[in-house]
Amino acid sequence: MAITIELQPKDLEQIRFAYSPLIETVLSFLMLHRKPPDLRSISPRWGDEAERALNGVQFPYMDALMPPNGYIADFITPTPTEPQADMDAVLAEVRATPEAVVRKYVQYVIDTHEDSEIRQHYLVYPQDALYCLTEELRLYWQRTLAHHWSNIRTVLDNDILYRARTQALSGAEQMANDLSEGYATARLSY
């Protein structure tokens, strides 16, 4: 099944070539915790290494907002506007999330999945829960991705160069169509 995405010229203004160590952290956590884990087919060696590094470590605040399937709280992955390399900076951004925003998205997680003691902690004491969340994210990052980050950045930087070059030489429609082979097509409408 293919999806067609209609793009207007104004949509092109919203295209960003950026990445974030936090987004890579969240995506790897989600892939590793799905049943069966998705990363086994992409990088079995990394998956095995990550499981060994995380053996016996619990992430209740991450688990509460990032169920293995379905909706995750949006404030965990703020949209980068430029490539970001500093995990501490993006974790500080998450810690600065307004309490009303935390409550709104945690309530949506509860409505979508179910309630829990940790999710209630987010609702009642959002700043305290954000601190716990960012410390868990930092620990997960340090044990699974930090020592690979320079290689990951190289891959992401090269992907950005490729996408930017495709857009410059062949247009935004071709660049978007090249993102997801066989699943989505983009059509620019004027």
N, C-alpha and C. Protein backbone atom coordinates (compact mmCIF):
# COMPACT_ATOMS: atom_id res chain seq x y z
N MET A 1 0.84 -1.17 0.00
CA MET A 1 0.00 0.00 0.00
C MET A 1 0.89 1.24 0.00
N ALA A 2 0.70 2.10 -0.95
CA ALA A 2 1.48 3.34 -1.04
C ALA A 2 0.64 4.51 -0.57
N ILE A 3 1.29 5.44 0.04
CA ILE A 3 0.66 6.66 0.53
C ILE A 3 1.14 7.80 -0.35
N THR A 4 0.23 8.66 -0.78
CA THR A 4 0.61 9.84 -1.55
C THR A 4 0.46 11.06 -0.65
N ILE A 5 1.51 11.85 -0.59
CA ILE A 5 1.52 13.06 0.21
C ILE A 5 1.51 14.25 -0.74
N GLU A 6 0.47 15.06 -0.63
CA GLU A 6 0.38 16.27 -1.46
C GLU A 6 1.16 17.39 -0.78
N LEU A 7 2.13 17.95 -1.46
CA LEU A 7 2.92 19.05 -0.94
C LEU A 7 2.57 20.34 -1.67
N GLN A 8 2.40 21.38 -0.91
CA GLN A 8 2.21 22.72 -1.46
C GLN A 8 3.54 23.44 -1.38
N PRO A 9 3.76 24.46 -2.20
CA PRO A 9 5.03 25.20 -2.13
C PRO A 9 5.36 25.69 -0.72
N LYS A 10 4.34 26.10 0.05
CA LYS A 10 4.60 26.56 1.42
C LYS A 10 5.12 25.43 2.31
N ASP A 11 4.77 24.17 1.98
CA ASP A 11 5.26 23.03 2.76
C ASP A 11 6.77 22.89 2.64
N LEU A 12 7.30 23.29 1.50
CA LEU A 12 8.75 23.19 1.28
C LEU A 12 9.53 24.07 2.26
N GLU A 13 8.89 25.14 2.73
CA GLU A 13 9.54 26.02 3.70
C GLU A 13 9.76 25.31 5.03
N GLN A 14 9.00 24.27 5.29
CA GLN A 14 9.08 23.55 6.56
C GLN A 14 10.09 22.39 6.54
N ILE A 15 10.67 22.10 5.39
CA ILE A 15 11.62 21.00 5.29
C ILE A 15 12.89 21.39 6.03
N ARG A 16 13.34 20.50 6.91
CA ARG A 16 14.56 20.71 7.66
C ARG A 16 15.46 19.49 7.48
N PHE A 17 16.72 19.76 7.25
CA PHE A 17 17.71 18.70 7.21
C PHE A 17 18.45 18.75 8.54
N ALA A 18 18.00 17.97 9.49
CA ALA A 18 18.55 18.04 10.84
C ALA A 18 18.43 16.69 11.53
N TYR A 19 19.21 16.53 12.57
CA TYR A 19 19.12 15.33 13.39
C TYR A 19 19.41 15.71 14.83
N SER A 20 19.14 14.76 15.71
CA SER A 20 19.32 15.01 17.13
C SER A 20 19.74 13.71 17.81
N PRO A 21 20.72 13.77 18.71
CA PRO A 21 21.07 12.55 19.45
C PRO A 21 19.90 12.04 20.29
N LEU A 22 19.03 12.95 20.71
CA LEU A 22 17.88 12.53 21.50
C LEU A 22 16.89 11.73 20.65
N ILE A 23 16.63 12.18 19.44
CA ILE A 23 15.72 11.43 18.57
C ILE A 23 16.30 10.05 18.26
N GLU A 24 17.60 10.00 17.98
CA GLU A 24 18.23 8.71 17.72
C GLU A 24 18.15 7.81 18.96
N THR A 25 18.28 8.39 20.13
CA THR A 25 18.17 7.64 21.38
C THR A 25 16.77 7.07 21.55
N VAL A 26 15.77 7.91 21.37
CA VAL A 26 14.38 7.47 21.51
C VAL A 26 14.05 6.39 20.48
N LEU A 27 14.43 6.60 19.23
CA LEU A 27 14.14 5.60 18.20
C LEU A 27 14.82 4.27 18.50
N SER A 28 16.06 4.32 18.95
CA SER A 28 16.75 3.06 19.26
C SER A 28 16.08 2.36 20.44
N PHE A 29 15.67 3.12 21.44
CA PHE A 29 14.97 2.54 22.60
C PHE A 29 13.68 1.85 22.15
N LEU A 30 12.92 2.54 21.30
CA LEU A 30 11.66 1.96 20.82
C LEU A 30 11.91 0.69 20.01
N MET A 31 12.89 0.73 19.14
CA MET A 31 13.18 -0.45 18.31
C MET A 31 13.68 -1.61 19.16
N LEU A 32 14.50 -1.31 20.15
CA LEU A 32 15.05 -2.36 21.00
C LEU A 32 14.00 -2.99 21.90
N HIS A 33 12.98 -2.21 22.27
CA HIS A 33 11.97 -2.71 23.20
C HIS A 33 10.71 -3.26 22.54
N ARG A 34 10.64 -3.18 21.23
CA ARG A 34 9.50 -3.81 20.55
C ARG A 34 9.67 -5.32 20.61
N LYS A 35 8.56 -5.99 20.54
CA LYS A 35 8.57 -7.46 20.55
C LYS A 35 8.08 -7.98 19.22
N PRO A 36 8.88 -8.64 18.41
CA PRO A 36 10.32 -8.82 18.58
C PRO A 36 11.06 -7.52 18.29
N PRO A 37 12.26 -7.35 18.81
CA PRO A 37 13.02 -6.12 18.58
C PRO A 37 13.27 -5.87 17.10
N ASP A 38 13.04 -4.64 16.65
CA ASP A 38 13.22 -4.28 15.25
C ASP A 38 14.68 -4.17 14.85
N LEU A 39 15.55 -3.79 15.78
CA LEU A 39 16.94 -3.53 15.43
C LEU A 39 17.73 -4.78 15.10
N ARG A 40 17.20 -5.94 15.44
CA ARG A 40 17.93 -7.16 15.14
C ARG A 40 18.20 -7.27 13.64
N SER A 41 17.25 -6.89 12.81
CA SER A 41 17.45 -7.00 11.37
C SER A 41 18.32 -5.88 10.82
N ILE A 42 18.35 -4.74 11.50
CA ILE A 42 19.15 -3.60 11.04
C ILE A 42 20.59 -3.71 11.53
N SER A 43 20.77 -3.99 12.79
CA SER A 43 22.10 -4.07 13.38
C SER A 43 22.11 -5.08 14.52
N PRO A 44 22.20 -6.36 14.19
CA PRO A 44 22.17 -7.38 15.24
C PRO A 44 23.31 -7.21 16.24
N ARG A 45 24.49 -6.82 15.78
CA ARG A 45 25.63 -6.66 16.69
C ARG A 45 25.37 -5.55 17.69
N TRP A 46 24.82 -4.40 17.21
CA TRP A 46 24.50 -3.31 18.13
C TRP A 46 23.41 -3.76 19.11
N GLY A 47 22.40 -4.46 18.62
CA GLY A 47 21.32 -4.92 19.49
C GLY A 47 21.84 -5.81 20.61
N ASP A 48 22.73 -6.73 20.27
CA ASP A 48 23.31 -7.61 21.28
C ASP A 48 24.15 -6.81 22.27
N GLU A 49 24.95 -5.88 21.75
CA GLU A 49 25.78 -5.03 22.61
C GLU A 49 24.92 -4.19 23.56
N ALA A 50 23.85 -3.62 23.02
CA ALA A 50 22.96 -2.79 23.83
C ALA A 50 22.28 -3.61 24.92
N GLU A 51 21.82 -4.80 24.58
CA GLU A 51 21.18 -5.65 25.59
C GLU A 51 22.14 -6.01 26.71
N ARG A 52 23.39 -6.28 26.37
CA ARG A 52 24.38 -6.57 27.42
C ARG A 52 24.62 -5.33 28.28
N ALA A 53 24.73 -4.17 27.66
CA ALA A 53 24.99 -2.93 28.39
C ALA A 53 23.82 -2.53 29.28
N LEU A 54 22.62 -2.96 28.93
CA LEU A 54 21.42 -2.60 29.68
C LEU A 54 20.93 -3.70 30.60
N ASN A 55 21.66 -4.81 30.66
CA ASN A 55 21.23 -5.95 31.45
C ASN A 55 20.93 -5.52 32.89
N GLY A 56 19.69 -5.74 33.32
CA GLY A 56 19.28 -5.43 34.67
C GLY A 56 18.92 -3.98 34.93
N VAL A 57 19.07 -3.11 33.95
CA VAL A 57 18.75 -1.70 34.12
C VAL A 57 17.29 -1.47 33.72
N GLN A 58 16.57 -0.77 34.56
CA GLN A 58 15.17 -0.45 34.29
C GLN A 58 15.04 1.02 33.89
N PHE A 59 14.07 1.32 33.04
CA PHE A 59 13.81 2.68 32.57
C PHE A 59 12.32 2.99 32.72
N PRO A 60 11.82 3.07 33.94
CA PRO A 60 10.37 3.23 34.12
C PRO A 60 9.82 4.55 33.58
N TYR A 61 10.59 5.63 33.63
CA TYR A 61 10.09 6.91 33.14
C TYR A 61 10.09 6.96 31.61
N MET A 62 11.06 6.30 31.00
CA MET A 62 11.05 6.18 29.54
C MET A 62 9.93 5.24 29.10
N ASP A 63 9.81 4.10 29.77
CA ASP A 63 8.76 3.13 29.44
C ASP A 63 7.37 3.77 29.52
N ALA A 64 7.17 4.62 30.52
CA ALA A 64 5.84 5.22 30.72
C ALA A 64 5.43 6.11 29.56
N LEU A 65 6.38 6.76 28.91
CA LEU A 65 6.05 7.68 27.83
C LEU A 65 6.33 7.12 26.44
N MET A 66 7.01 5.98 26.39
CA MET A 66 7.38 5.39 25.10
C MET A 66 6.99 3.92 25.06
N PRO A 67 5.69 3.64 25.04
CA PRO A 67 5.29 2.24 24.92
C PRO A 67 5.87 1.64 23.64
N PRO A 68 6.12 0.34 23.62
CA PRO A 68 6.77 -0.26 22.45
C PRO A 68 5.98 -0.10 21.15
N ASN A 69 4.68 0.06 21.25
CA ASN A 69 3.86 0.24 20.06
C ASN A 69 2.86 1.34 20.32
N GLY A 70 2.72 2.25 19.39
CA GLY A 70 1.73 3.30 19.53
C GLY A 70 2.33 4.65 19.85
N TYR A 71 1.49 5.52 20.34
CA TYR A 71 1.83 6.91 20.57
C TYR A 71 2.88 7.07 21.67
N ILE A 72 3.84 7.99 21.44
CA ILE A 72 4.78 8.42 22.47
C ILE A 72 4.58 9.91 22.69
N ALA A 73 4.89 10.37 23.89
CA ALA A 73 4.70 11.78 24.22
C ALA A 73 5.60 12.65 23.35
N ASP A 74 4.99 13.60 22.63
CA ASP A 74 5.71 14.42 21.66
C ASP A 74 6.84 15.25 22.24
N PHE A 75 6.73 15.70 23.47
CA PHE A 75 7.75 16.59 24.01
C PHE A 75 9.10 15.89 24.21
N ILE A 76 9.12 14.57 24.13
CA ILE A 76 10.38 13.83 24.28
C ILE A 76 11.29 14.04 23.09
N THR A 77 10.72 14.32 21.94
CA THR A 77 11.53 14.46 20.72
C THR A 77 11.29 15.83 20.07
N PRO A 78 11.79 16.90 20.69
CA PRO A 78 11.61 18.21 20.06
C PRO A 78 12.25 18.23 18.68
N THR A 79 11.59 18.88 17.74
CA THR A 79 12.07 18.92 16.36
C THR A 79 13.33 19.77 16.26
N PRO A 80 14.41 19.18 15.80
CA PRO A 80 15.63 19.98 15.64
C PRO A 80 15.51 20.86 14.39
N THR A 81 16.08 22.04 14.46
CA THR A 81 16.08 22.93 13.29
C THR A 81 17.43 22.94 12.61
N GLU A 82 18.40 22.33 13.23
CA GLU A 82 19.73 22.17 12.65
C GLU A 82 20.35 20.92 13.27
N PRO A 83 21.36 20.34 12.62
CA PRO A 83 21.98 19.16 13.23
C PRO A 83 22.49 19.48 14.64
N GLN A 84 22.15 18.60 15.58
CA GLN A 84 22.54 18.79 16.97
C GLN A 84 23.47 17.65 17.39
N ALA A 85 24.56 18.01 18.03
CA ALA A 85 25.50 16.99 18.47
C ALA A 85 25.56 16.87 19.98
N ASP A 86 25.04 17.85 20.70
CA ASP A 86 25.21 17.91 22.14
C ASP A 86 24.00 17.34 22.87
N MET A 87 24.15 16.13 23.40
CA MET A 87 23.05 15.48 24.11
C MET A 87 22.64 16.28 25.34
N ASP A 88 23.58 16.85 26.05
CA ASP A 88 23.23 17.63 27.24
C ASP A 88 22.31 18.79 26.89
N ALA A 89 22.54 19.43 25.76
CA ALA A 89 21.70 20.57 25.35
C ALA A 89 20.27 20.12 25.05
N VAL A 90 20.11 19.00 24.37
CA VAL A 90 18.75 18.56 24.05
C VAL A 90 18.04 18.01 25.28
N LEU A 91 18.79 17.42 26.20
CA LEU A 91 18.16 16.98 27.45
C LEU A 91 17.72 18.18 28.28
N ALA A 92 18.49 19.25 28.25
CA ALA A 92 18.09 20.47 28.95
C ALA A 92 16.81 21.05 28.33
N GLU A 93 16.69 20.93 27.03
CA GLU A 93 15.47 21.39 26.35
C GLU A 93 14.25 20.59 26.83
N VAL A 94 14.41 19.29 26.96
CA VAL A 94 13.31 18.45 27.46
C VAL A 94 12.98 18.83 28.90
N ARG A 95 14.00 19.02 29.72
CA ARG A 95 13.78 19.40 31.13
C ARG A 95 13.03 20.71 31.25
N ALA A 96 13.17 21.59 30.25
CA ALA A 96 12.51 22.90 30.28
C ALA A 96 11.08 22.86 29.73
N THR A 97 10.58 21.69 29.40
CA THR A 97 9.22 21.58 28.87
C THR A 97 8.23 22.13 29.90
N PRO A 98 7.35 23.03 29.48
CA PRO A 98 6.36 23.57 30.42
C PRO A 98 5.48 22.47 31.01
N GLU A 99 5.11 22.64 32.27
CA GLU A 99 4.31 21.64 32.97
C GLU A 99 2.99 21.34 32.25
N ALA A 100 2.36 22.37 31.70
CA ALA A 100 1.09 22.16 30.99
C ALA A 100 1.28 21.26 29.78
N VAL A 101 2.40 21.41 29.10
CA VAL A 101 2.69 20.57 27.93
C VAL A 101 2.93 19.12 28.38
N VAL A 102 3.68 18.95 29.44
CA VAL A 102 3.92 17.59 29.97
C VAL A 102 2.59 16.93 30.31
N ARG A 103 1.76 17.63 31.04
CA ARG A 103 0.47 17.06 31.46
C ARG A 103 -0.41 16.71 30.25
N LYS A 104 -0.44 17.60 29.27
CA LYS A 104 -1.26 17.36 28.08
C LYS A 104 -0.85 16.07 27.37
N TYR A 105 0.44 15.90 27.12
CA TYR A 105 0.88 14.73 26.36
C TYR A 105 0.88 13.46 27.19
N VAL A 106 1.14 13.57 28.47
CA VAL A 106 1.06 12.39 29.32
C VAL A 106 -0.40 11.93 29.42
N GLN A 107 -1.31 12.87 29.51
CA GLN A 107 -2.73 12.48 29.54
C GLN A 107 -3.12 11.77 28.24
N TYR A 108 -2.57 12.22 27.13
CA TYR A 108 -2.85 11.56 25.87
C TYR A 108 -2.28 10.13 25.87
N VAL A 109 -1.08 9.95 26.44
CA VAL A 109 -0.52 8.60 26.55
C VAL A 109 -1.44 7.73 27.40
N ILE A 110 -1.94 8.28 28.51
CA ILE A 110 -2.85 7.54 29.38
C ILE A 110 -4.13 7.17 28.62
N ASP A 111 -4.69 8.13 27.90
CA ASP A 111 -5.92 7.87 27.14
C ASP A 111 -5.70 6.84 26.04
N THR A 112 -4.52 6.85 25.46
CA THR A 112 -4.21 5.95 24.35
C THR A 112 -3.83 4.56 24.84
N HIS A 113 -3.14 4.50 25.95
CA HIS A 113 -2.66 3.22 26.47
C HIS A 113 -3.40 2.89 27.77
N GLU A 114 -2.82 3.23 28.89
CA GLU A 114 -3.48 3.02 30.19
C GLU A 114 -2.75 3.86 31.23
N ASP A 115 -3.34 3.98 32.38
CA ASP A 115 -2.75 4.76 33.46
C ASP A 115 -1.72 3.89 34.20
N SER A 116 -0.81 4.57 34.91
CA SER A 116 0.17 3.86 35.74
C SER A 116 0.65 4.83 36.82
N GLU A 117 1.33 4.29 37.79
CA GLU A 117 1.86 5.11 38.88
C GLU A 117 2.86 6.14 38.34
N ILE A 118 3.71 5.73 37.43
CA ILE A 118 4.71 6.65 36.87
C ILE A 118 4.03 7.74 36.04
N ARG A 119 3.03 7.38 35.25
CA ARG A 119 2.31 8.39 34.46
C ARG A 119 1.62 9.39 35.38
N GLN A 120 1.10 8.92 36.50
CA GLN A 120 0.51 9.84 37.47
C GLN A 120 1.57 10.76 38.07
N HIS A 121 2.77 10.25 38.25
CA HIS A 121 3.87 11.08 38.75
C HIS A 121 4.13 12.24 37.79
N TYR A 122 4.10 11.97 36.48
CA TYR A 122 4.25 13.04 35.48
C TYR A 122 3.15 14.10 35.64
N LEU A 123 1.93 13.64 35.91
CA LEU A 123 0.82 14.58 36.01
C LEU A 123 0.89 15.42 37.29
N VAL A 124 1.26 14.80 38.39
CA VAL A 124 1.26 15.49 39.68
C VAL A 124 2.55 16.29 39.90
N TYR A 125 3.67 15.73 39.54
CA TYR A 125 4.98 16.38 39.75
C TYR A 125 5.77 16.38 38.43
N PRO A 126 5.34 17.17 37.46
CA PRO A 126 5.97 17.10 36.14
C PRO A 126 7.47 17.42 36.14
N GLN A 127 7.90 18.41 36.90
CA GLN A 127 9.33 18.76 36.88
C GLN A 127 10.18 17.64 37.48
N ASP A 128 9.71 17.04 38.54
CA ASP A 128 10.42 15.92 39.15
C ASP A 128 10.48 14.74 38.18
N ALA A 129 9.36 14.46 37.53
CA ALA A 129 9.32 13.35 36.57
C ALA A 129 10.22 13.64 35.37
N LEU A 130 10.26 14.88 34.91
CA LEU A 130 11.15 15.24 33.80
C LEU A 130 12.61 15.02 34.18
N TYR A 131 12.95 15.34 35.42
CA TYR A 131 14.32 15.09 35.88
C TYR A 131 14.62 13.60 35.80
N CYS A 132 13.73 12.77 36.32
CA CYS A 132 13.91 11.31 36.26
C CYS A 132 14.03 10.83 34.82
N LEU A 133 13.16 11.34 33.95
CA LEU A 133 13.18 10.97 32.53
C LEU A 133 14.53 11.31 31.89
N THR A 134 14.99 12.55 32.08
CA THR A 134 16.23 12.95 31.41
C THR A 134 17.43 12.19 31.96
N GLU A 135 17.41 11.83 33.23
CA GLU A 135 18.51 11.02 33.77
C GLU A 135 18.49 9.61 33.18
N GLU A 136 17.30 9.06 32.98
CA GLU A 136 17.21 7.74 32.32
C GLU A 136 17.67 7.83 30.87
N LEU A 137 17.24 8.87 30.17
CA LEU A 137 17.68 9.04 28.78
C LEU A 137 19.20 9.17 28.70
N ARG A 138 19.79 9.93 29.64
CA ARG A 138 21.25 10.10 29.67
C ARG A 138 21.94 8.75 29.89
N LEU A 139 21.44 7.96 30.85
CA LEU A 139 22.03 6.65 31.13
C LEU A 139 21.91 5.73 29.93
N TYR A 140 20.72 5.69 29.34
CA TYR A 140 20.52 4.84 28.15
C TYR A 140 21.49 5.27 27.04
N TRP A 141 21.57 6.56 26.79
CA TRP A 141 22.47 7.13 25.77
C TRP A 141 23.92 6.72 26.04
N GLN A 142 24.38 6.90 27.27
CA GLN A 142 25.76 6.59 27.61
C GLN A 142 26.08 5.11 27.43
N ARG A 143 25.12 4.26 27.73
CA ARG A 143 25.38 2.82 27.64
C ARG A 143 25.21 2.25 26.24
N THR A 144 24.44 2.92 25.39
CA THR A 144 24.12 2.29 24.09
C THR A 144 24.62 3.07 22.87
N LEU A 145 24.61 4.39 22.91
CA LEU A 145 24.88 5.15 21.69
C LEU A 145 26.04 6.12 21.76
N ALA A 146 26.39 6.62 22.92
CA ALA A 146 27.39 7.69 23.03
C ALA A 146 28.71 7.31 22.34
N HIS A 147 29.18 6.11 22.57
CA HIS A 147 30.46 5.69 21.99
C HIS A 147 30.36 5.41 20.48
N HIS A 148 29.16 5.38 19.94
CA HIS A 148 28.95 5.22 18.49
C HIS A 148 28.60 6.54 17.81
N TRP A 149 28.42 7.60 18.61
CA TRP A 149 27.84 8.83 18.08
C TRP A 149 28.65 9.43 16.94
N SER A 150 29.96 9.40 16.97
CA SER A 150 30.73 10.00 15.87
C SER A 150 30.45 9.26 14.56
N ASN A 151 30.33 7.94 14.61
CA ASN A 151 30.00 7.17 13.39
C ASN A 151 28.56 7.45 12.94
N ILE A 152 27.64 7.52 13.90
CA ILE A 152 26.25 7.81 13.57
C ILE A 152 26.15 9.19 12.93
N ARG A 153 26.84 10.17 13.50
CA ARG A 153 26.83 11.53 12.94
C ARG A 153 27.35 11.54 11.51
N THR A 154 28.38 10.78 11.24
CA THR A 154 28.92 10.71 9.88
C THR A 154 27.86 10.20 8.91
N VAL A 155 27.15 9.15 9.30
CA VAL A 155 26.08 8.60 8.46
C VAL A 155 24.97 9.65 8.26
N LEU A 156 24.56 10.30 9.35
CA LEU A 156 23.50 11.30 9.26
C LEU A 156 23.93 12.51 8.44
N ASP A 157 25.16 12.96 8.63
CA ASP A 157 25.66 14.10 7.83
C ASP A 157 25.69 13.74 6.35
N ASN A 158 26.13 12.53 6.03
CA ASN A 158 26.15 12.10 4.64
C ASN A 158 24.74 11.99 4.06
N ASP A 159 23.80 11.53 4.87
CA ASP A 159 22.41 11.45 4.41
C ASP A 159 21.86 12.85 4.14
N ILE A 160 22.16 13.80 5.01
CA ILE A 160 21.71 15.18 4.78
C ILE A 160 22.30 15.73 3.49
N LEU A 161 23.58 15.49 3.27
CA LEU A 161 24.21 15.96 2.02
C LEU A 161 23.54 15.34 0.80
N TYR A 162 23.26 14.04 0.88
CA TYR A 162 22.59 13.35 -0.22
C TYR A 162 21.20 13.92 -0.47
N ARG A 163 20.42 14.10 0.60
CA ARG A 163 19.06 14.65 0.44
C ARG A 163 19.08 16.07 -0.10
N ALA A 164 19.97 16.89 0.43
CA ALA A 164 20.08 18.28 -0.04
C ALA A 164 20.50 18.31 -1.51
N ARG A 165 21.43 17.47 -1.89
CA ARG A 165 21.87 17.42 -3.29
C ARG A 165 20.73 16.94 -4.20
N THR A 166 20.00 15.91 -3.76
CA THR A 166 18.86 15.43 -4.54
C THR A 166 17.83 16.54 -4.71
N GLN A 167 17.55 17.27 -3.64
CA GLN A 167 16.58 18.36 -3.75
C GLN A 167 17.09 19.45 -4.68
N ALA A 168 18.36 19.79 -4.58
CA ALA A 168 18.92 20.86 -5.42
C ALA A 168 18.94 20.47 -6.90
N LEU A 169 19.26 19.21 -7.19
CA LEU A 169 19.40 18.79 -8.59
C LEU A 169 18.09 18.28 -9.20
N SER A 170 17.23 17.66 -8.39
CA SER A 170 16.03 17.02 -8.94
C SER A 170 14.72 17.54 -8.35
N GLY A 171 14.80 18.38 -7.36
CA GLY A 171 13.59 18.97 -6.79
C GLY A 171 13.14 18.27 -5.52
N ALA A 172 12.27 18.97 -4.81
CA ALA A 172 11.77 18.47 -3.53
C ALA A 172 10.94 17.20 -3.70
N GLU A 173 10.19 17.11 -4.79
CA GLU A 173 9.35 15.94 -5.00
C GLU A 173 10.21 14.67 -5.08
N GLN A 174 11.29 14.73 -5.85
CA GLN A 174 12.19 13.56 -5.96
C GLN A 174 12.87 13.27 -4.63
N MET A 175 13.27 14.32 -3.91
CA MET A 175 13.90 14.12 -2.61
C MET A 175 12.94 13.41 -1.66
N ALA A 176 11.69 13.84 -1.62
CA ALA A 176 10.70 13.22 -0.74
C ALA A 176 10.38 11.79 -1.19
N ASN A 177 10.29 11.57 -2.49
CA ASN A 177 9.99 10.23 -2.99
C ASN A 177 11.11 9.24 -2.68
N ASP A 178 12.32 9.75 -2.54
CA ASP A 178 13.47 8.91 -2.26
C ASP A 178 13.57 8.53 -0.78
N LEU A 179 12.77 9.16 0.09
CA LEU A 179 12.85 8.90 1.52
C LEU A 179 12.36 7.52 1.92
N SER A 180 11.29 7.07 1.31
CA SER A 180 10.67 5.82 1.74
C SER A 180 10.30 5.01 0.52
N GLU A 181 11.23 4.24 0.06
CA GLU A 181 11.07 3.47 -1.16
C GLU A 181 9.86 2.53 -1.09
N GLY A 182 8.90 2.76 -1.96
CA GLY A 182 7.76 1.86 -2.08
C GLY A 182 6.62 2.11 -1.14
N TYR A 183 6.77 2.99 -0.15
CA TYR A 183 5.71 3.19 0.82
C TYR A 183 4.98 4.52 0.67
N ALA A 184 5.69 5.52 0.23
CA ALA A 184 5.06 6.84 0.12
C ALA A 184 5.58 7.55 -1.12
N THR A 185 4.70 8.31 -1.73
CA THR A 185 5.12 9.17 -2.82
C THR A 185 4.67 10.58 -2.51
N ALA A 186 5.42 11.52 -3.01
CA ALA A 186 5.08 12.92 -2.80
C ALA A 186 4.77 13.54 -4.16
N ARG A 187 3.83 14.44 -4.15
CA ARG A 187 3.47 15.15 -5.37
C ARG A 187 3.38 16.62 -5.01
N LEU A 188 4.13 17.43 -5.72
CA LEU A 188 4.12 18.86 -5.48
C LEU A 188 3.00 19.49 -6.29
N SER A 189 2.11 20.18 -5.60
CA SER A 189 0.97 20.84 -6.25
C SER A 189 1.17 22.36 -6.22
N TYR A 190 0.89 22.99 -7.33
CA TYR A 190 1.00 24.47 -7.39
C TYR A 190 -0.36 25.09 -7.54
